[in-house]
Amino acid sequence: MFKNLTNLLRNRHMTNEDLAKILKIHRNTLLSKLNGDTQFTLNEIDIIMAIFNEYKFDYIFTREYKRA
């Protein structure tokens, strides 16, 4: 799970649907990516980095792994 990215979205008052529209993907696809079930593409990462350009990649894309 990308907790930092989720928090950044919340802090910018952006919904998952807002980001999904920007990335041109379905919101369920975005949820899958935010949960770590599928990977972001390089293009999606570039777009996210442009939105949150004041933050470093390592901060935005730090993963919290699910416990089994």
N, C-alpha and C. Protein backbone atom coordinates (compact mmCIF):
# COMPACT_ATOMS: atom_id res chain seq x y z
N MET A 1 0.85 -1.18 0.00
CA MET A 1 0.00 0.00 0.00
C MET A 1 0.90 1.25 0.00
N PHE A 2 0.49 2.23 -0.78
CA PHE A 2 1.24 3.48 -0.87
C PHE A 2 0.58 4.52 0.03
N LYS A 3 0.87 4.42 1.31
CA LYS A 3 0.22 5.27 2.31
C LYS A 3 0.57 6.74 2.11
N ASN A 4 1.83 7.05 1.80
CA ASN A 4 2.23 8.44 1.62
C ASN A 4 1.50 9.07 0.43
N LEU A 5 1.40 8.34 -0.65
CA LEU A 5 0.69 8.86 -1.82
C LEU A 5 -0.77 9.09 -1.49
N THR A 6 -1.38 8.17 -0.78
CA THR A 6 -2.77 8.32 -0.37
C THR A 6 -2.94 9.55 0.51
N ASN A 7 -2.02 9.77 1.42
CA ASN A 7 -2.08 10.95 2.29
C ASN A 7 -1.87 12.25 1.51
N LEU A 8 -0.97 12.22 0.54
CA LEU A 8 -0.75 13.41 -0.29
C LEU A 8 -2.00 13.77 -1.07
N LEU A 9 -2.68 12.77 -1.59
CA LEU A 9 -3.94 13.02 -2.30
C LEU A 9 -4.95 13.67 -1.37
N ARG A 10 -5.08 13.12 -0.19
CA ARG A 10 -6.02 13.64 0.79
C ARG A 10 -5.66 15.09 1.15
N ASN A 11 -4.37 15.36 1.35
CA ASN A 11 -3.93 16.72 1.71
C ASN A 11 -4.22 17.73 0.60
N ARG A 12 -4.22 17.28 -0.64
CA ARG A 12 -4.53 18.16 -1.78
C ARG A 12 -6.02 18.18 -2.09
N HIS A 13 -6.80 17.51 -1.25
CA HIS A 13 -8.25 17.42 -1.45
C HIS A 13 -8.58 16.79 -2.80
N MET A 14 -7.76 15.82 -3.18
CA MET A 14 -7.99 15.06 -4.41
C MET A 14 -8.55 13.69 -4.05
N THR A 15 -9.52 13.25 -4.81
CA THR A 15 -10.06 11.92 -4.60
C THR A 15 -9.30 10.93 -5.48
N ASN A 16 -9.50 9.66 -5.19
CA ASN A 16 -8.91 8.63 -6.04
C ASN A 16 -9.46 8.77 -7.46
N GLU A 17 -10.71 9.13 -7.57
CA GLU A 17 -11.31 9.32 -8.89
C GLU A 17 -10.65 10.47 -9.64
N ASP A 18 -10.30 11.54 -8.93
CA ASP A 18 -9.58 12.66 -9.56
C ASP A 18 -8.26 12.19 -10.16
N LEU A 19 -7.49 11.44 -9.36
CA LEU A 19 -6.20 10.97 -9.86
C LEU A 19 -6.40 9.97 -10.99
N ALA A 20 -7.39 9.11 -10.88
CA ALA A 20 -7.65 8.13 -11.94
C ALA A 20 -7.95 8.84 -13.25
N LYS A 21 -8.72 9.92 -13.20
CA LYS A 21 -9.03 10.68 -14.42
C LYS A 21 -7.77 11.29 -15.01
N ILE A 22 -6.91 11.83 -14.15
CA ILE A 22 -5.66 12.42 -14.63
C ILE A 22 -4.79 11.35 -15.29
N LEU A 23 -4.75 10.17 -14.67
CA LEU A 23 -3.93 9.08 -15.21
C LEU A 23 -4.60 8.35 -16.37
N LYS A 24 -5.88 8.67 -16.60
CA LYS A 24 -6.68 8.05 -17.67
C LYS A 24 -6.82 6.55 -17.46
N ILE A 25 -7.13 6.19 -16.20
CA ILE A 25 -7.38 4.80 -15.85
C ILE A 25 -8.67 4.75 -15.03
N HIS A 26 -9.24 3.57 -14.92
CA HIS A 26 -10.45 3.38 -14.12
C HIS A 26 -10.08 3.50 -12.65
N ARG A 27 -10.99 4.00 -11.84
CA ARG A 27 -10.68 4.18 -10.41
C ARG A 27 -10.39 2.85 -9.72
N ASN A 28 -11.01 1.76 -10.17
CA ASN A 28 -10.70 0.45 -9.59
C ASN A 28 -9.27 0.02 -9.92
N THR A 29 -8.80 0.40 -11.10
CA THR A 29 -7.41 0.12 -11.46
C THR A 29 -6.48 0.91 -10.56
N LEU A 30 -6.82 2.15 -10.29
CA LEU A 30 -6.01 2.96 -9.38
C LEU A 30 -5.99 2.35 -7.99
N LEU A 31 -7.13 1.91 -7.50
CA LEU A 31 -7.18 1.28 -6.18
C LEU A 31 -6.28 0.06 -6.12
N SER A 32 -6.28 -0.71 -7.18
CA SER A 32 -5.42 -1.89 -7.25
C SER A 32 -3.95 -1.48 -7.17
N LYS A 33 -3.61 -0.39 -7.81
CA LYS A 33 -2.22 0.10 -7.79
C LYS A 33 -1.87 0.67 -6.42
N LEU A 34 -2.78 1.44 -5.82
CA LEU A 34 -2.53 2.00 -4.50
C LEU A 34 -2.40 0.91 -3.44
N ASN A 35 -3.12 -0.17 -3.62
CA ASN A 35 -3.04 -1.30 -2.68
C ASN A 35 -1.82 -2.18 -2.92
N GLY A 36 -1.10 -1.93 -4.02
CA GLY A 36 0.10 -2.70 -4.31
C GLY A 36 -0.18 -4.01 -5.03
N ASP A 37 -1.41 -4.18 -5.51
CA ASP A 37 -1.74 -5.42 -6.22
C ASP A 37 -1.20 -5.41 -7.64
N THR A 38 -1.15 -4.24 -8.26
CA THR A 38 -0.55 -4.08 -9.58
C THR A 38 0.41 -2.89 -9.53
N GLN A 39 1.23 -2.76 -10.54
CA GLN A 39 2.26 -1.73 -10.54
C GLN A 39 1.85 -0.51 -11.34
N PHE A 40 2.36 0.64 -10.93
CA PHE A 40 2.21 1.86 -11.72
C PHE A 40 3.12 1.76 -12.94
N THR A 41 2.66 2.31 -14.06
CA THR A 41 3.53 2.38 -15.24
C THR A 41 4.48 3.55 -15.08
N LEU A 42 5.51 3.58 -15.89
CA LEU A 42 6.45 4.71 -15.84
C LEU A 42 5.75 6.02 -16.17
N ASN A 43 4.84 5.99 -17.13
CA ASN A 43 4.10 7.19 -17.48
C ASN A 43 3.26 7.68 -16.30
N GLU A 44 2.60 6.77 -15.60
CA GLU A 44 1.80 7.14 -14.43
C GLU A 44 2.68 7.71 -13.33
N ILE A 45 3.84 7.13 -13.14
CA ILE A 45 4.78 7.64 -12.13
C ILE A 45 5.22 9.05 -12.50
N ASP A 46 5.52 9.29 -13.78
CA ASP A 46 5.91 10.63 -14.23
C ASP A 46 4.82 11.66 -13.94
N ILE A 47 3.58 11.28 -14.20
CA ILE A 47 2.47 12.20 -13.96
C ILE A 47 2.32 12.49 -12.47
N ILE A 48 2.39 11.45 -11.65
CA ILE A 48 2.27 11.62 -10.21
C ILE A 48 3.41 12.48 -9.67
N MET A 49 4.61 12.24 -10.18
CA MET A 49 5.77 13.04 -9.75
C MET A 49 5.60 14.51 -10.14
N ALA A 50 4.97 14.77 -11.28
CA ALA A 50 4.74 16.15 -11.71
C ALA A 50 3.71 16.83 -10.80
N ILE A 51 2.71 16.08 -10.36
CA ILE A 51 1.69 16.63 -9.47
C ILE A 51 2.29 16.97 -8.11
N PHE A 52 3.12 16.07 -7.61
CA PHE A 52 3.71 16.24 -6.28
C PHE A 52 5.21 16.50 -6.40
N ASN A 53 5.56 17.48 -7.24
CA ASN A 53 6.96 17.72 -7.58
C ASN A 53 7.82 18.21 -6.42
N GLU A 54 7.18 18.62 -5.32
CA GLU A 54 7.97 19.07 -4.17
C GLU A 54 8.42 17.91 -3.28
N TYR A 55 7.97 16.71 -3.62
CA TYR A 55 8.33 15.51 -2.85
C TYR A 55 9.24 14.61 -3.67
N LYS A 56 10.07 13.87 -2.97
CA LYS A 56 10.97 12.93 -3.64
C LYS A 56 10.24 11.63 -3.95
N PHE A 57 10.73 10.98 -4.99
CA PHE A 57 10.17 9.70 -5.43
C PHE A 57 10.09 8.71 -4.27
N ASP A 58 11.19 8.60 -3.51
CA ASP A 58 11.24 7.63 -2.42
C ASP A 58 10.16 7.86 -1.37
N TYR A 59 9.79 9.11 -1.16
CA TYR A 59 8.74 9.41 -0.20
C TYR A 59 7.36 9.02 -0.76
N ILE A 60 7.10 9.46 -1.97
CA ILE A 60 5.78 9.21 -2.57
C ILE A 60 5.51 7.72 -2.72
N PHE A 61 6.50 6.99 -3.18
CA PHE A 61 6.29 5.58 -3.53
C PHE A 61 6.84 4.60 -2.49
N THR A 62 6.95 5.05 -1.24
CA THR A 62 7.28 4.13 -0.17
C THR A 62 6.11 3.19 0.03
N ARG A 63 6.40 1.90 0.11
CA ARG A 63 5.35 0.90 0.23
C ARG A 63 5.24 0.38 1.65
N GLU A 64 4.01 0.18 2.06
CA GLU A 64 3.73 -0.56 3.29
C GLU A 64 3.15 -1.89 2.83
N TYR A 65 3.77 -2.95 3.22
CA TYR A 65 3.33 -4.25 2.76
C TYR A 65 2.23 -4.80 3.65
N LYS A 66 1.29 -5.50 3.03
CA LYS A 66 0.19 -6.11 3.75
C LYS A 66 0.71 -7.28 4.56
N ARG A 67 0.16 -7.46 5.72
CA ARG A 67 0.51 -8.63 6.52
C ARG A 67 -0.41 -9.78 6.15
N ALA A 68 0.17 -10.92 6.07
CA ALA A 68 -0.62 -12.10 5.69
C ALA A 68 -1.43 -12.63 6.86
